[in-house]
Amino acid sequence: MLLLILKKFAYILIMLLLISIISFSMIHIAPNSFFASGGLNPNITPESIAHLKAVYGLDKPLVVQYFIWLKALLQLDFGLSFASGGRVIDEIGSRIGITLLMNFIAMIVIFFIAIRFGVQSALRGGKYDNGFKQLALLSYSMPSFYLAILLILFFALKLSWFPISGVEGFEPKEGFAHLLDMAYHLILPISVMIFVGFGSLLLYVRSLTLDILKSDYIFFAKAQGASQKTLKKVYIYPNLKPFIITILGLSLPALLGGSVILEQIFSIDGMGLLFYQSALSRDYPVIMGIMIIGAFLTLLGNVVADLILLKINPHYKRAT
């Protein structure tokens, strides 16, 4: 097991290195730059721009820039933001909390709905199954920005039940009152994330459950008079477990990058909004910092899923 973990760790490092090379090259080769994107004072002189490029090391060859960046990365230093002048790690740290909270809550609810009703839909069939298939297809095809606007128009503007934007009211609160205020402001964006996210997973769970129900051991269990509760507990959920663990591993990076559009619509100062603003202004250090964190979480999610699958099923080792 220790040897396998070391191999997986080496795999993460190699893949991160390759991803960083490709990402760094593509970002810097792309046309336009922070110093020519209109974000600076239009009266700034070419000499001042050249001085700023020298300060940030942009006057050096691209290969030299990459190795300077990589050396800093090994010390967990993502550099300085062009836009704010602050450390990128601090910029990310100040915004990562709200994004993690929103996406974590949404992911938990999405998996609960998809597993609970996906299995039930496959077992019951008929109108119950058709109803959930239609709802899942509506969820799968619904654009998040469109649903967000509909909810704002109806629940925020027409009924005035929820706030339009932000994560807290104008009057600052403390303690439990602050948590309640935050929850109140996040109801609409999290609801959008849940609705547009559960459809594809529910259909996937339903499809897997239907395949399981075609198995010989299910027919044998039914012939022995097993109830639906027994089928789910003994046969269906244990066989779904490997697939669910794999999807959970792949969903890990979505905790950071799954709410770019919604954070703009609801004016939530999170990682998604930071990435969008940085991409518009060509703030290379911030873009690279977020991309590397996202890539690391993707690779880590795959590795953790593999290790968990190996733990619950030693025969899975052949596929790792």
Protein backbone atom coordinates (compact mmCIF):
# COMPACT_ATOMS: atom_id res chain seq x y z
CA MET A 1 0.00 0.00 0.00
CA LEU A 2 2.84 2.42 0.88
CA LEU A 3 4.49 1.77 -2.49
CA LEU A 4 1.20 2.42 -4.26
CA ILE A 5 0.73 5.72 -2.38
CA LEU A 6 4.27 6.80 -3.36
CA LYS A 7 3.52 5.94 -6.99
CA LYS A 8 0.31 7.95 -6.87
CA PHE A 9 2.14 10.89 -5.29
CA ALA A 10 4.78 10.76 -8.03
CA TYR A 11 1.98 10.65 -10.60
CA ILE A 12 0.43 13.80 -9.12
CA LEU A 13 3.76 15.65 -9.23
CA ILE A 14 4.50 14.67 -12.84
CA MET A 15 1.01 15.58 -14.02
CA LEU A 16 1.10 18.89 -12.15
CA LEU A 17 4.41 19.71 -13.80
CA LEU A 18 3.03 18.97 -17.28
CA ILE A 19 -0.19 20.89 -16.59
CA SER A 20 1.75 23.87 -15.27
CA ILE A 21 3.98 23.98 -18.37
CA ILE A 22 1.02 23.86 -20.75
CA SER A 23 -1.07 26.34 -18.74
CA PHE A 24 1.80 28.79 -18.23
CA SER A 25 2.65 28.71 -21.94
CA MET A 26 -0.93 29.14 -23.15
CA ILE A 27 -1.67 32.03 -20.78
CA HIS A 28 1.44 33.99 -21.74
CA ILE A 29 1.20 33.23 -25.46
CA ALA A 30 -2.41 34.45 -25.60
CA PRO A 31 -2.82 37.90 -27.18
CA ASN A 32 -3.08 41.00 -25.03
CA SER A 33 -1.75 41.34 -21.49
CA PHE A 34 -2.49 43.05 -18.21
CA PHE A 35 -0.40 46.05 -19.21
CA ALA A 36 -2.27 46.44 -22.49
CA SER A 37 -5.78 45.44 -21.46
CA GLY A 38 -6.98 48.92 -20.56
CA GLY A 39 -6.79 48.36 -16.85
CA LEU A 40 -3.93 50.79 -16.34
CA ASN A 41 -3.95 54.53 -16.50
CA PRO A 42 -4.26 55.45 -20.23
CA ASN A 43 -1.73 58.25 -19.67
CA ILE A 44 0.98 55.92 -18.41
CA THR A 45 4.24 56.20 -20.34
CA PRO A 46 5.94 53.31 -22.19
CA GLU A 47 8.89 53.71 -19.82
CA SER A 48 6.62 53.14 -16.81
CA ILE A 49 5.12 50.04 -18.44
CA ALA A 50 8.62 48.70 -19.16
CA HIS A 51 9.56 49.33 -15.51
CA LEU A 52 6.47 47.44 -14.28
CA LYS A 53 7.26 44.51 -16.57
CA ALA A 54 10.77 44.42 -15.17
CA VAL A 55 9.43 44.45 -11.61
CA TYR A 56 7.18 41.45 -12.32
CA GLY A 57 9.80 39.68 -14.43
CA LEU A 58 7.79 39.87 -17.65
CA ASP A 59 10.75 41.27 -19.54
CA LYS A 60 12.57 37.94 -19.33
CA PRO A 61 12.23 35.03 -21.79
CA LEU A 62 9.17 32.83 -21.21
CA VAL A 63 11.28 29.83 -20.16
CA VAL A 64 13.07 31.92 -17.52
CA GLN A 65 9.74 33.29 -16.29
CA TYR A 66 8.41 29.76 -15.89
CA PHE A 67 11.34 28.52 -13.83
CA ILE A 68 11.17 31.60 -11.60
CA TRP A 69 7.47 30.93 -11.09
CA LEU A 70 8.08 27.20 -10.49
CA LYS A 71 10.77 27.93 -7.90
CA ALA A 72 8.36 30.19 -6.03
CA LEU A 73 5.60 27.58 -6.32
CA LEU A 74 7.77 24.98 -4.59
CA GLN A 75 7.76 27.36 -1.63
CA LEU A 76 3.94 27.66 -1.89
CA ASP A 77 4.31 31.20 -3.19
CA PHE A 78 2.09 32.00 -6.20
CA GLY A 79 3.58 35.45 -6.61
CA LEU A 80 1.97 38.90 -6.56
CA SER A 81 -1.29 39.86 -8.19
CA PHE A 82 -0.93 42.41 -10.99
CA ALA A 83 -4.30 43.98 -10.18
CA SER A 84 -4.08 44.38 -6.41
CA GLY A 85 -0.36 44.05 -5.77
CA GLY A 86 -1.10 41.61 -2.93
CA ARG A 87 0.09 38.04 -2.57
CA VAL A 88 -1.91 35.63 -4.70
CA ILE A 89 -2.13 33.11 -1.87
CA ASP A 90 -3.76 35.79 0.30
CA GLU A 91 -6.17 36.76 -2.49
CA ILE A 92 -7.24 33.14 -2.88
CA GLY A 93 -7.35 32.54 0.87
CA SER A 94 -9.68 35.47 1.45
CA ARG A 95 -12.21 34.19 -1.10
CA ILE A 96 -11.96 30.42 -0.99
CA GLY A 97 -14.11 29.96 2.11
CA ILE A 98 -17.47 31.11 0.72
CA THR A 99 -16.95 29.16 -2.53
CA LEU A 100 -16.09 25.98 -0.64
CA LEU A 101 -19.10 26.40 1.62
CA MET A 102 -21.57 26.92 -1.23
CA ASN A 103 -20.28 24.08 -3.38
CA PHE A 104 -19.89 21.65 -0.48
CA ILE A 105 -23.49 22.13 0.67
CA ALA A 106 -24.76 21.87 -2.90
CA MET A 107 -22.71 18.73 -3.59
CA ILE A 108 -23.97 16.94 -0.46
CA VAL A 109 -27.61 17.69 -1.33
CA ILE A 110 -27.09 16.77 -5.00
CA PHE A 111 -25.65 13.36 -4.15
CA PHE A 112 -28.39 12.69 -1.61
CA ILE A 113 -31.15 13.53 -4.12
CA ALA A 114 -29.52 11.67 -7.00
CA ILE A 115 -28.82 8.46 -5.07
CA ARG A 116 -32.08 8.43 -3.13
CA PHE A 117 -34.42 9.13 -6.02
CA GLY A 118 -32.31 7.59 -8.79
CA VAL A 119 -32.49 4.19 -7.11
CA GLN A 120 -36.15 4.63 -6.22
CA SER A 121 -37.00 5.66 -9.78
CA ALA A 122 -35.39 2.52 -11.22
CA LEU A 123 -37.12 0.28 -8.66
CA ARG A 124 -40.63 1.67 -8.96
CA GLY A 125 -40.80 2.45 -12.67
CA GLY A 126 -44.04 3.64 -14.26
CA LYS A 127 -45.27 7.21 -13.71
CA TYR A 128 -42.88 7.65 -10.78
CA ASP A 129 -39.92 6.85 -13.04
CA ASN A 130 -41.19 9.02 -15.89
CA GLY A 131 -41.74 11.95 -13.53
CA PHE A 132 -38.19 11.86 -12.20
CA LYS A 133 -36.74 11.36 -15.68
CA GLN A 134 -38.51 14.49 -16.91
CA LEU A 135 -37.40 16.44 -13.84
CA ALA A 136 -33.81 15.22 -14.29
CA LEU A 137 -33.83 16.19 -17.97
CA LEU A 138 -35.15 19.64 -17.04
CA SER A 139 -32.36 19.96 -14.49
CA TYR A 140 -29.75 18.79 -16.99
CA SER A 141 -30.86 21.24 -19.70
CA MET A 142 -31.51 24.27 -17.47
CA PRO A 143 -28.84 27.01 -17.79
CA SER A 144 -27.77 28.13 -14.32
CA PHE A 145 -27.75 31.84 -15.23
CA TYR A 146 -31.32 31.64 -16.59
CA LEU A 147 -32.66 29.89 -13.50
CA ALA A 148 -30.80 32.36 -11.26
CA ILE A 149 -32.43 35.30 -13.02
CA LEU A 150 -35.88 33.67 -12.74
CA LEU A 151 -35.45 33.09 -9.00
CA ILE A 152 -34.23 36.65 -8.46
CA LEU A 153 -37.17 38.09 -10.39
CA PHE A 154 -39.76 36.00 -8.55
CA PHE A 155 -38.47 35.43 -5.01
CA ALA A 156 -36.32 38.56 -4.58
CA LEU A 157 -38.05 41.28 -6.60
CA LYS A 158 -41.69 40.16 -6.78
CA LEU A 159 -42.14 38.45 -3.39
CA SER A 160 -39.20 40.09 -1.54
CA TRP A 161 -38.53 36.86 0.32
CA PHE A 162 -34.78 36.77 -0.26
CA PRO A 163 -32.03 39.34 -0.95
CA ILE A 164 -30.85 39.89 -4.50
CA SER A 165 -27.11 39.64 -3.92
CA GLY A 166 -24.26 39.45 -1.43
CA VAL A 167 -23.64 37.12 1.50
CA GLU A 168 -24.65 39.39 4.36
CA GLY A 169 -26.88 42.38 5.09
CA PHE A 170 -25.92 46.03 5.41
CA GLU A 171 -25.93 45.82 9.19
CA PRO A 172 -23.07 43.54 10.33
CA LYS A 173 -24.01 40.74 12.70
CA GLU A 174 -21.94 38.51 14.93
CA GLY A 175 -22.01 34.93 16.12
CA PHE A 176 -25.03 32.78 15.33
CA ALA A 177 -26.95 35.77 13.94
CA HIS A 178 -24.20 36.22 11.34
CA LEU A 179 -24.47 32.56 10.29
CA LEU A 180 -28.25 32.87 9.93
CA ASP A 181 -27.84 36.02 7.86
CA MET A 182 -25.32 34.31 5.61
CA ALA A 183 -27.58 31.26 5.20
CA TYR A 184 -30.47 33.56 4.31
CA HIS A 185 -28.42 35.24 1.57
CA LEU A 186 -27.12 31.95 0.15
CA ILE A 187 -30.48 30.17 -0.22
CA LEU A 188 -31.06 31.31 -3.82
CA PRO A 189 -27.57 30.65 -5.25
CA ILE A 190 -27.28 27.25 -3.55
CA SER A 191 -30.79 26.32 -4.73
CA VAL A 192 -29.74 27.08 -8.31
CA MET A 193 -26.60 24.96 -7.93
CA ILE A 194 -28.60 22.04 -6.56
CA PHE A 195 -31.29 22.13 -9.22
CA VAL A 196 -28.96 22.35 -12.22
CA GLY A 197 -26.57 19.78 -10.71
CA PHE A 198 -28.67 16.79 -9.67
CA GLY A 199 -30.20 15.87 -13.04
CA SER A 200 -27.24 14.21 -14.78
CA LEU A 201 -26.21 12.34 -11.63
CA LEU A 202 -29.76 11.09 -11.01
CA LEU A 203 -29.97 9.71 -14.56
CA TYR A 204 -26.57 8.06 -14.12
CA VAL A 205 -27.56 6.42 -10.82
CA ARG A 206 -30.88 5.32 -12.33
CA SER A 207 -29.06 3.73 -15.30
CA LEU A 208 -26.60 1.91 -13.02
CA THR A 209 -29.45 0.67 -10.83
CA LEU A 210 -31.33 -0.68 -13.85
CA ASP A 211 -28.20 -2.63 -14.87
CA ILE A 212 -27.91 -4.04 -11.35
CA LEU A 213 -31.58 -5.06 -11.36
CA LYS A 214 -30.90 -7.20 -14.45
CA SER A 215 -28.35 -9.30 -12.57
CA ASP A 216 -28.98 -12.94 -11.74
CA TYR A 217 -28.56 -12.43 -8.01
CA ILE A 218 -31.36 -9.86 -8.04
CA PHE A 219 -33.73 -12.36 -9.69
CA PHE A 220 -32.68 -14.94 -7.12
CA ALA A 221 -33.25 -12.50 -4.26
CA LYS A 222 -36.69 -11.60 -5.61
CA ALA A 223 -37.52 -15.28 -5.93
CA GLN A 224 -36.66 -15.65 -2.24
CA GLY A 225 -39.17 -12.88 -1.44
CA ALA A 226 -36.69 -10.07 -0.73
CA SER A 227 -38.34 -6.70 -0.19
CA GLN A 228 -37.27 -3.47 -1.92
CA LYS A 229 -35.65 -2.35 1.31
CA THR A 230 -33.53 -5.51 1.38
CA LEU A 231 -32.64 -5.17 -2.29
CA LYS A 232 -31.41 -1.62 -1.76
CA LYS A 233 -29.49 -2.35 1.43
CA VAL A 234 -27.88 -5.66 0.48
CA TYR A 235 -27.48 -5.52 -3.29
CA ILE A 236 -28.01 -2.11 -4.90
CA TYR A 237 -26.20 0.36 -2.61
CA PRO A 238 -23.09 -1.86 -2.15
CA ASN A 239 -22.79 -2.24 -5.93
CA LEU A 240 -23.28 1.49 -6.48
CA LYS A 241 -20.60 2.38 -3.96
CA PRO A 242 -17.56 2.15 -6.32
CA PHE A 243 -19.23 4.35 -8.93
CA ILE A 244 -20.32 6.92 -6.34
CA ILE A 245 -16.82 7.08 -4.85
CA THR A 246 -15.32 7.65 -8.31
CA ILE A 247 -17.78 10.47 -9.05
CA LEU A 248 -17.09 12.03 -5.65
CA GLY A 249 -13.39 12.05 -6.45
CA LEU A 250 -14.02 13.73 -9.80
CA SER A 251 -16.34 16.24 -8.12
CA LEU A 252 -13.62 17.51 -5.78
CA PRO A 253 -12.36 20.30 -8.10
CA ALA A 254 -15.96 21.50 -8.52
CA LEU A 255 -15.78 22.68 -4.91
CA LEU A 256 -13.65 25.55 -6.20
CA GLY A 257 -14.70 26.19 -9.77
CA GLY A 258 -18.36 25.26 -9.93
CA SER A 259 -19.88 28.67 -9.30
CA VAL A 260 -18.20 31.20 -11.60
CA ILE A 261 -21.42 32.39 -13.26
CA LEU A 262 -23.52 32.37 -10.10
CA GLU A 263 -20.96 34.34 -8.12
CA GLN A 264 -21.16 37.06 -10.75
CA ILE A 265 -24.97 37.11 -10.85
CA PHE A 266 -25.38 37.13 -7.06
CA SER A 267 -22.33 39.39 -6.45
CA ILE A 268 -20.63 36.83 -4.21
CA ASP A 269 -16.95 37.62 -3.70
CA GLY A 270 -15.64 34.08 -4.08
CA MET A 271 -13.11 32.12 -6.09
CA GLY A 272 -15.30 31.98 -9.19
CA LEU A 273 -15.60 35.76 -9.38
CA LEU A 274 -11.88 36.14 -8.69
CA PHE A 275 -11.01 33.80 -11.56
CA TYR A 276 -13.36 35.62 -13.93
CA GLN A 277 -11.96 39.05 -13.05
CA SER A 278 -8.40 37.78 -13.31
CA ALA A 279 -9.05 36.25 -16.73
CA LEU A 280 -10.50 39.52 -18.02
CA SER A 281 -7.53 41.56 -16.78
CA ARG A 282 -4.90 38.92 -17.72
CA ASP A 283 -3.72 38.72 -14.12
CA TYR A 284 -1.36 35.82 -14.82
CA PRO A 285 -0.27 34.96 -11.26
CA VAL A 286 -3.85 34.70 -9.97
CA ILE A 287 -4.98 32.67 -13.00
CA MET A 288 -2.10 30.25 -12.60
CA GLY A 289 -2.66 29.96 -8.86
CA ILE A 290 -6.32 29.01 -9.28
CA MET A 291 -5.59 26.65 -12.18
CA ILE A 292 -2.86 24.81 -10.28
CA ILE A 293 -5.08 24.42 -7.22
CA GLY A 294 -7.89 23.11 -9.43
CA ALA A 295 -5.55 20.68 -11.20
CA PHE A 296 -4.16 19.47 -7.88
CA LEU A 297 -7.67 18.84 -6.53
CA THR A 298 -8.60 16.94 -9.69
CA LEU A 299 -5.57 14.67 -9.45
CA LEU A 300 -5.96 14.29 -5.69
CA GLY A 301 -9.61 13.36 -6.10
CA ASN A 302 -8.74 10.61 -8.57
CA VAL A 303 -5.99 9.23 -6.34
CA VAL A 304 -8.13 9.29 -3.19
CA ALA A 305 -10.97 7.57 -5.05
CA ASP A 306 -8.58 4.86 -6.26
CA LEU A 307 -7.22 4.27 -2.75
CA ILE A 308 -10.71 4.07 -1.23
CA LEU A 309 -11.84 1.64 -3.93
CA LEU A 310 -8.76 -0.47 -3.29
CA LYS A 311 -9.57 -0.48 0.43
CA ILE A 312 -13.16 -1.68 -0.02
CA ASN A 313 -12.28 -4.05 -2.89
CA PRO A 314 -8.73 -5.49 -3.01
CA HIS A 315 -9.42 -6.89 -6.50
CA TYR A 316 -9.52 -3.30 -7.77
CA LYS A 317 -5.71 -3.32 -7.52
CA ARG A 318 -5.51 -4.88 -10.98
CA ALA A 319 -6.94 -1.70 -12.50
CA THR A 320 -4.73 0.78 -10.58
